[in-house]
């Protein structure tokens, strides 16, 4: 019997379930992230993996990895995944330009809510404004849209856990090749908001596939094959 998943969520599910509880393999996966720099989780002694967690009006998270490290440090990694689709392409520069225009004009274009940078912005906004959300129940994002975490107990528990982190990382898993990501980073000051001193990280699907081949994660490779032409 074989089990297949569709598009980016199918890929994320397959990858995480095949990594399973192998902490060293999960570290190796996180160590794939190198653009613009690596994320140090070598002192991590335990992990939580959360897939497709609803954060209510702050969007669903494709993947959250919480690394429990020495000295009670808790590093939280948010992942948002994008694919090129079989009908078109996904270009990082175009997506970033749309995000910036959207912010400057506070206008909406079709599909703005699924923009990689907007989705990552909402995760950072949630973390940064968590204490305010607890007091006020709702806040307004940079597009003047009202946001709250609602009253779902599972969502509330997840958000509380996430927002007790000591450091946060925002990662896009994208169809863009590494050389093109480097060119993009060299040509743009990449930030979610001008006043933020934030850093975004990027990981290509090609690097993930190469990792799966190296580690012989055959079930994940079969899901890549099932989605051939759809991922990158």
C-alpha atoms as a PDB file:
ATOM      1  CA  UNK A   1       0.000   0.000   0.000  1.00  0.00           C
ATOM      2  CA  UNK A   2       1.187   3.516  -0.804  1.00  0.00           C
ATOM      3  CA  UNK A   3       0.067   6.868   0.615  1.00  0.00           C
ATOM      4  CA  UNK A   4       0.445  10.093  -1.381  1.00  0.00           C
ATOM      5  CA  UNK A   5      -0.136  13.723  -0.472  1.00  0.00           C
ATOM      6  CA  UNK A   6      -0.890  16.580  -2.838  1.00  0.00           C
ATOM      7  CA  UNK A   7       1.167  19.749  -3.365  1.00  0.00           C
ATOM      8  CA  UNK A   8       3.059  21.565  -0.605  1.00  0.00           C
ATOM      9  CA  UNK A   9       1.028  20.252   2.308  1.00  0.00           C
ATOM     10  CA  UNK A  10       1.326  16.715   1.055  1.00  0.00           C
ATOM     11  CA  UNK A  11       5.081  17.187   0.810  1.00  0.00           C
ATOM     12  CA  UNK A  12       5.380  18.658   4.312  1.00  0.00           C
ATOM     13  CA  UNK A  13       3.311  15.862   5.827  1.00  0.00           C
ATOM     14  CA  UNK A  14       5.303  13.165   4.068  1.00  0.00           C
ATOM     15  CA  UNK A  15       8.634  14.725   5.016  1.00  0.00           C
ATOM     16  CA  UNK A  16       7.840  15.182   8.701  1.00  0.00           C
ATOM     17  CA  UNK A  17       6.216  11.778   9.161  1.00  0.00           C
ATOM     18  CA  UNK A  18       9.191  10.096   7.500  1.00  0.00           C
ATOM     19  CA  UNK A  19      11.681  11.998   9.630  1.00  0.00           C
ATOM     20  CA  UNK A  20       9.528  10.863  12.520  1.00  0.00           C
ATOM     21  CA  UNK A  21      11.202  10.969  15.928  1.00  0.00           C
ATOM     22  CA  UNK A  22      14.755  10.885  14.568  1.00  0.00           C
ATOM     23  CA  UNK A  23      16.173  14.002  16.236  1.00  0.00           C
ATOM     24  CA  UNK A  24      19.477  13.898  14.368  1.00  0.00           C
ATOM     25  CA  UNK A  25      17.680  13.625  11.043  1.00  0.00           C
ATOM     26  CA  UNK A  26      15.473  16.580  11.973  1.00  0.00           C
ATOM     27  CA  UNK A  27      18.589  18.574  12.875  1.00  0.00           C
ATOM     28  CA  UNK A  28      20.047  17.664   9.489  1.00  0.00           C
ATOM     29  CA  UNK A  29      16.869  18.941   7.825  1.00  0.00           C
ATOM     30  CA  UNK A  30      17.044  22.255   9.702  1.00  0.00           C
ATOM     31  CA  UNK A  31      20.727  22.520   8.805  1.00  0.00           C
ATOM     32  CA  UNK A  32      19.685  22.635   5.145  1.00  0.00           C
ATOM     33  CA  UNK A  33      18.654  26.233   5.781  1.00  0.00           C
ATOM     34  CA  UNK A  34      21.621  28.363   4.763  1.00  0.00           C
ATOM     35  CA  UNK A  35      20.132  31.412   3.044  1.00  0.00           C
ATOM     36  CA  UNK A  36      20.961  34.010   4.087  1.00  0.00           C
ATOM     37  CA  UNK A  37      22.671  32.049   6.875  1.00  0.00           C
ATOM     38  CA  UNK A  38      22.235  28.894   8.914  1.00  0.00           C
ATOM     39  CA  UNK A  39      20.152  28.483  12.069  1.00  0.00           C
ATOM     40  CA  UNK A  40      22.073  27.048  15.005  1.00  0.00           C
ATOM     41  CA  UNK A  41      20.122  24.279  16.734  1.00  0.00           C
ATOM     42  CA  UNK A  42      23.072  22.011  17.566  1.00  0.00           C
ATOM     43  CA  UNK A  43      22.340  22.233  21.293  1.00  0.00           C
ATOM     44  CA  UNK A  44      18.714  21.180  20.815  1.00  0.00           C
ATOM     45  CA  UNK A  45      17.834  18.175  22.954  1.00  0.00           C
ATOM     46  CA  UNK A  46      14.162  17.818  22.066  1.00  0.00           C
ATOM     47  CA  UNK A  47      11.685  18.997  19.461  1.00  0.00           C
ATOM     48  CA  UNK A  48       8.008  19.607  18.884  1.00  0.00           C
ATOM     49  CA  UNK A  49       6.718  19.327  15.324  1.00  0.00           C
ATOM     50  CA  UNK A  50       3.361  20.955  14.611  1.00  0.00           C
ATOM     51  CA  UNK A  51       1.820  20.562  11.167  1.00  0.00           C
ATOM     52  CA  UNK A  52      -0.924  22.790   9.726  1.00  0.00           C
ATOM     53  CA  UNK A  53      -1.674  24.496  13.024  1.00  0.00           C
ATOM     54  CA  UNK A  54      -4.489  27.017  12.866  1.00  0.00           C
ATOM     55  CA  UNK A  55      -3.559  30.377  14.371  1.00  0.00           C
ATOM     56  CA  UNK A  56      -7.078  31.673  13.778  1.00  0.00           C
ATOM     57  CA  UNK A  57      -7.029  35.075  12.042  1.00  0.00           C
ATOM     58  CA  UNK A  58      -3.231  34.992  11.883  1.00  0.00           C
ATOM     59  CA  UNK A  59      -3.432  32.186   9.350  1.00  0.00           C
ATOM     60  CA  UNK A  60      -2.545  28.515   9.367  1.00  0.00           C
ATOM     61  CA  UNK A  61       1.108  27.563   9.721  1.00  0.00           C
ATOM     62  CA  UNK A  62       2.271  24.922   7.241  1.00  0.00           C
ATOM     63  CA  UNK A  63       4.889  23.758   9.729  1.00  0.00           C
ATOM     64  CA  UNK A  64       6.191  24.862  13.114  1.00  0.00           C
ATOM     65  CA  UNK A  65       9.266  23.277  14.674  1.00  0.00           C
ATOM     66  CA  UNK A  66      10.046  24.130  18.289  1.00  0.00           C
ATOM     67  CA  UNK A  67      13.599  23.281  19.325  1.00  0.00           C
ATOM     68  CA  UNK A  68      14.189  22.909  23.062  1.00  0.00           C
ATOM     69  CA  UNK A  69      17.802  23.849  23.685  1.00  0.00           C
ATOM     70  CA  UNK A  70      20.237  24.155  26.580  1.00  0.00           C
ATOM     71  CA  UNK A  71      19.612  26.723  29.323  1.00  0.00           C
ATOM     72  CA  UNK A  72      15.849  26.473  28.754  1.00  0.00           C
ATOM     73  CA  UNK A  73      16.100  28.232  25.413  1.00  0.00           C
ATOM     74  CA  UNK A  74      13.207  27.607  23.074  1.00  0.00           C
ATOM     75  CA  UNK A  75      13.729  28.326  19.384  1.00  0.00           C
ATOM     76  CA  UNK A  76      10.587  28.517  17.266  1.00  0.00           C
ATOM     77  CA  UNK A  77      10.795  28.021  13.504  1.00  0.00           C
ATOM     78  CA  UNK A  78       7.818  29.011  11.346  1.00  0.00           C
ATOM     79  CA  UNK A  79       7.728  27.486   7.860  1.00  0.00           C
ATOM     80  CA  UNK A  80       5.487  28.578   4.997  1.00  0.00           C
ATOM     81  CA  UNK A  81       5.712  26.504   1.819  1.00  0.00           C
ATOM     82  CA  UNK A  82       5.014  27.529  -1.773  1.00  0.00           C
ATOM     83  CA  UNK A  83       5.095  25.538  -5.015  1.00  0.00           C
ATOM     84  CA  UNK A  84       5.224  26.617  -8.625  1.00  0.00           C
ATOM     85  CA  UNK A  85       2.033  24.776  -9.727  1.00  0.00           C
ATOM     86  CA  UNK A  86       1.848  22.888 -13.009  1.00  0.00           C
ATOM     87  CA  UNK A  87       0.208  25.830 -14.826  1.00  0.00           C
ATOM     88  CA  UNK A  88       2.693  28.545 -13.987  1.00  0.00           C
ATOM     89  CA  UNK A  89       5.706  29.609 -11.990  1.00  0.00           C
ATOM     90  CA  UNK A  90       6.473  31.168  -8.645  1.00  0.00           C
ATOM     91  CA  UNK A  91       9.020  34.002  -8.699  1.00  0.00           C
ATOM     92  CA  UNK A  92      10.329  35.259  -5.373  1.00  0.00           C
ATOM     93  CA  UNK A  93      11.057  38.787  -6.614  1.00  0.00           C
ATOM     94  CA  UNK A  94       7.524  39.185  -7.961  1.00  0.00           C
ATOM     95  CA  UNK A  95       6.021  37.967  -4.696  1.00  0.00           C
ATOM     96  CA  UNK A  96       8.137  40.371  -2.643  1.00  0.00           C
ATOM     97  CA  UNK A  97       7.259  43.278  -4.948  1.00  0.00           C
ATOM     98  CA  UNK A  98       3.542  42.511  -4.616  1.00  0.00           C
ATOM     99  CA  UNK A  99       3.904  42.360  -0.851  1.00  0.00           C
ATOM    100  CA  UNK A 100       5.598  45.753  -0.701  1.00  0.00           C
ATOM    101  CA  UNK A 101       3.118  47.452  -3.044  1.00  0.00           C
ATOM    102  CA  UNK A 102       0.262  45.959  -1.055  1.00  0.00           C
ATOM    103  CA  UNK A 103       1.684  47.420   2.151  1.00  0.00           C
ATOM    104  CA  UNK A 104       2.418  50.876   0.777  1.00  0.00           C
ATOM    105  CA  UNK A 105      -1.039  51.333  -0.709  1.00  0.00           C
ATOM    106  CA  UNK A 106      -2.878  49.297   1.903  1.00  0.00           C
ATOM    107  CA  UNK A 107      -4.731  47.785  -0.982  1.00  0.00           C
ATOM    108  CA  UNK A 108      -5.614  44.235  -1.777  1.00  0.00           C
ATOM    109  CA  UNK A 109      -4.892  42.201  -4.861  1.00  0.00           C
ATOM    110  CA  UNK A 110      -6.430  38.851  -5.643  1.00  0.00           C
ATOM    111  CA  UNK A 111      -4.620  36.243  -3.599  1.00  0.00           C
ATOM    112  CA  UNK A 112      -2.811  38.704  -1.308  1.00  0.00           C
ATOM    113  CA  UNK A 113      -3.600  36.594   1.756  1.00  0.00           C
ATOM    114  CA  UNK A 114      -1.605  33.666   0.347  1.00  0.00           C
ATOM    115  CA  UNK A 115       1.478  35.786  -0.377  1.00  0.00           C
ATOM    116  CA  UNK A 116       4.504  34.155   1.294  1.00  0.00           C
ATOM    117  CA  UNK A 117       5.728  37.381   2.867  1.00  0.00           C
ATOM    118  CA  UNK A 118       2.293  38.387   4.140  1.00  0.00           C
ATOM    119  CA  UNK A 119       1.817  34.964   5.713  1.00  0.00           C
ATOM    120  CA  UNK A 120       5.201  35.171   7.447  1.00  0.00           C
ATOM    121  CA  UNK A 121       4.443  38.744   8.507  1.00  0.00           C
ATOM    122  CA  UNK A 122       1.266  37.572  10.264  1.00  0.00           C
ATOM    123  CA  UNK A 123       3.247  34.992  12.242  1.00  0.00           C
ATOM    124  CA  UNK A 124       5.758  37.624  13.375  1.00  0.00           C
ATOM    125  CA  UNK A 125       2.929  40.056  14.103  1.00  0.00           C
ATOM    126  CA  UNK A 126       1.290  37.434  16.322  1.00  0.00           C
ATOM    127  CA  UNK A 127       4.493  36.817  18.262  1.00  0.00           C
ATOM    128  CA  UNK A 128       5.340  40.504  18.643  1.00  0.00           C
ATOM    129  CA  UNK A 129       1.845  41.532  19.726  1.00  0.00           C
ATOM    130  CA  UNK A 130       0.920  38.496  21.816  1.00  0.00           C
ATOM    131  CA  UNK A 131       0.755  40.342  25.157  1.00  0.00           C
ATOM    132  CA  UNK A 132      -1.340  43.077  23.568  1.00  0.00           C
ATOM    133  CA  UNK A 133      -3.673  40.454  22.107  1.00  0.00           C
ATOM    134  CA  UNK A 134      -4.175  38.936  25.564  1.00  0.00           C
ATOM    135  CA  UNK A 135      -5.241  42.346  26.884  1.00  0.00           C
ATOM    136  CA  UNK A 136      -7.201  43.721  23.937  1.00  0.00           C
ATOM    137  CA  UNK A 137      -8.417  40.428  22.399  1.00  0.00           C
ATOM    138  CA  UNK A 138      -7.994  41.869  18.908  1.00  0.00           C
ATOM    139  CA  UNK A 139      -5.575  44.144  17.058  1.00  0.00           C
ATOM    140  CA  UNK A 140      -5.204  45.593  13.572  1.00  0.00           C
ATOM    141  CA  UNK A 141      -2.483  44.524  11.175  1.00  0.00           C
ATOM    142  CA  UNK A 142      -0.577  46.757   8.765  1.00  0.00           C
ATOM    143  CA  UNK A 143      -3.418  46.576   6.249  1.00  0.00           C
ATOM    144  CA  UNK A 144      -5.889  47.666   8.937  1.00  0.00           C
ATOM    145  CA  UNK A 145      -7.452  44.232   9.059  1.00  0.00           C
ATOM    146  CA  UNK A 146      -8.716  43.108  12.443  1.00  0.00           C
ATOM    147  CA  UNK A 147      -6.952  40.055  13.885  1.00  0.00           C
ATOM    148  CA  UNK A 148      -7.646  37.892  16.914  1.00  0.00           C
ATOM    149  CA  UNK A 149      -6.863  34.363  18.060  1.00  0.00           C
ATOM    150  CA  UNK A 150     -10.506  33.662  18.854  1.00  0.00           C
ATOM    151  CA  UNK A 151     -11.710  31.361  21.618  1.00  0.00           C
ATOM    152  CA  UNK A 152     -10.814  27.910  20.329  1.00  0.00           C
ATOM    153  CA  UNK A 153      -9.020  26.247  23.249  1.00  0.00           C
ATOM    154  CA  UNK A 154      -6.643  24.240  21.065  1.00  0.00           C
ATOM    155  CA  UNK A 155      -5.614  27.356  19.156  1.00  0.00           C
ATOM    156  CA  UNK A 156      -5.198  29.295  22.411  1.00  0.00           C
ATOM    157  CA  UNK A 157      -3.005  26.533  23.855  1.00  0.00           C
ATOM    158  CA  UNK A 158      -0.884  26.333  20.696  1.00  0.00           C
ATOM    159  CA  UNK A 159      -0.404  30.111  20.528  1.00  0.00           C
ATOM    160  CA  UNK A 160       0.563  30.282  24.204  1.00  0.00           C
ATOM    161  CA  UNK A 161       3.155  27.545  23.674  1.00  0.00           C
ATOM    162  CA  UNK A 162       4.562  29.192  20.554  1.00  0.00           C
ATOM    163  CA  UNK A 163       4.736  32.662  22.080  1.00  0.00           C
ATOM    164  CA  UNK A 164       6.840  31.457  25.015  1.00  0.00           C
ATOM    165  CA  UNK A 165       9.823  31.071  22.706  1.00  0.00           C
ATOM    166  CA  UNK A 166      13.157  32.798  23.283  1.00  0.00           C
ATOM    167  CA  UNK A 167      13.948  33.300  19.583  1.00  0.00           C
ATOM    168  CA  UNK A 168      11.991  33.077  16.336  1.00  0.00           C
ATOM    169  CA  UNK A 169      12.823  32.240  12.729  1.00  0.00           C
ATOM    170  CA  UNK A 170      10.637  32.754   9.662  1.00  0.00           C
ATOM    171  CA  UNK A 171      11.374  30.416   6.765  1.00  0.00           C
ATOM    172  CA  UNK A 172       9.969  30.169   3.265  1.00  0.00           C
ATOM    173  CA  UNK A 173      10.179  26.790   1.527  1.00  0.00           C
ATOM    174  CA  UNK A 174      10.046  27.811  -2.104  1.00  0.00           C
ATOM    175  CA  UNK A 175      10.471  26.486  -5.663  1.00  0.00           C
ATOM    176  CA  UNK A 176      13.224  29.016  -6.399  1.00  0.00           C
ATOM    177  CA  UNK A 177      16.703  27.558  -6.920  1.00  0.00           C
ATOM    178  CA  UNK A 178      19.471  28.487  -4.471  1.00  0.00           C
ATOM    179  CA  UNK A 179      21.412  30.652  -6.946  1.00  0.00           C
ATOM    180  CA  UNK A 180      18.278  32.666  -7.699  1.00  0.00           C
ATOM    181  CA  UNK A 181      17.561  33.049  -3.980  1.00  0.00           C
ATOM    182  CA  UNK A 182      21.097  34.399  -3.498  1.00  0.00           C
ATOM    183  CA  UNK A 183      20.586  36.875  -6.346  1.00  0.00           C
ATOM    184  CA  UNK A 184      17.308  37.999  -4.790  1.00  0.00           C
ATOM    185  CA  UNK A 185      18.893  38.494  -1.364  1.00  0.00           C
ATOM    186  CA  UNK A 186      21.814  40.400  -2.870  1.00  0.00           C
ATOM    187  CA  UNK A 187      19.451  42.716  -4.753  1.00  0.00           C
ATOM    188  CA  UNK A 188      16.898  43.435  -2.027  1.00  0.00           C
ATOM    189  CA  UNK A 189      16.739  44.524   1.583  1.00  0.00           C
ATOM    190  CA  UNK A 190      14.386  41.768   2.647  1.00  0.00           C
ATOM    191  CA  UNK A 191      12.266  42.638   5.653  1.00  0.00           C
ATOM    192  CA  UNK A 192       8.646  42.129   6.625  1.00  0.00           C
ATOM    193  CA  UNK A 193       8.320  45.741   7.715  1.00  0.00           C
ATOM    194  CA  UNK A 194      10.658  48.714   7.423  1.00  0.00           C
ATOM    195  CA  UNK A 195      10.894  49.211  11.169  1.00  0.00           C
ATOM    196  CA  UNK A 196      11.499  45.514  11.851  1.00  0.00           C
ATOM    197  CA  UNK A 197      15.020  44.283  12.428  1.00  0.00           C
ATOM    198  CA  UNK A 198      13.956  40.885  11.178  1.00  0.00           C
ATOM    199  CA  UNK A 199      15.550  38.273   9.003  1.00  0.00           C
ATOM    200  CA  UNK A 200      13.829  35.880   6.657  1.00  0.00           C
ATOM    201  CA  UNK A 201      15.266  32.520   5.715  1.00  0.00           C
ATOM    202  CA  UNK A 202      14.708  30.509   2.564  1.00  0.00           C
ATOM    203  CA  UNK A 203      14.967  26.838   1.671  1.00  0.00           C
ATOM    204  CA  UNK A 204      14.497  25.441  -1.818  1.00  0.00           C
ATOM    205  CA  UNK A 205      12.448  22.361  -2.616  1.00  0.00           C
ATOM    206  CA  UNK A 206      15.393  21.169  -4.715  1.00  0.00           C
ATOM    207  CA  UNK A 207      17.603  21.169  -1.601  1.00  0.00           C
ATOM    208  CA  UNK A 208      14.938  19.169   0.243  1.00  0.00           C
ATOM    209  CA  UNK A 209      14.725  16.610  -2.549  1.00  0.00           C
ATOM    210  CA  UNK A 210      18.520  16.264  -2.589  1.00  0.00           C
ATOM    211  CA  UNK A 211      18.391  15.750   1.182  1.00  0.00           C
ATOM    212  CA  UNK A 212      15.776  13.009   0.779  1.00  0.00           C
ATOM    213  CA  UNK A 213      17.929  11.274  -1.825  1.00  0.00           C
ATOM    214  CA  UNK A 214      20.983  11.462   0.431  1.00  0.00           C
ATOM    215  CA  UNK A 215      19.078  10.130   3.456  1.00  0.00           C
ATOM    216  CA  UNK A 216      17.204   7.549   1.351  1.00  0.00           C
ATOM    217  CA  UNK A 217      13.761   8.813   2.351  1.00  0.00           C
ATOM    218  CA  UNK A 218      12.096   6.778  -0.363  1.00  0.00           C
ATOM    219  CA  UNK A 219       8.512   7.482   0.675  1.00  0.00           C
ATOM    220  CA  UNK A 220       9.091  11.232   0.425  1.00  0.00           C
ATOM    221  CA  UNK A 221      10.771  10.799  -2.957  1.00  0.00           C
ATOM    222  CA  UNK A 222       7.685   8.952  -4.167  1.00  0.00           C
ATOM    223  CA  UNK A 223       5.545  11.921  -3.116  1.00  0.00           C
ATOM    224  CA  UNK A 224       7.897  14.196  -5.079  1.00  0.00           C
ATOM    225  CA  UNK A 225       7.373  11.879  -8.047  1.00  0.00           C
ATOM    226  CA  UNK A 226       3.600  11.907  -7.532  1.00  0.00           C
ATOM    227  CA  UNK A 227       3.674  15.737  -7.633  1.00  0.00           C
ATOM    228  CA  UNK A 228       6.128  15.892 -10.527  1.00  0.00           C
ATOM    229  CA  UNK A 229       5.991  19.299 -12.225  1.00  0.00           C
ATOM    230  CA  UNK A 230       3.982  20.775  -9.365  1.00  0.00           C
ATOM    231  CA  UNK A 231       6.644  21.492  -6.729  1.00  0.00           C
ATOM    232  CA  UNK A 232       9.599  23.223  -8.402  1.00  0.00           C
END
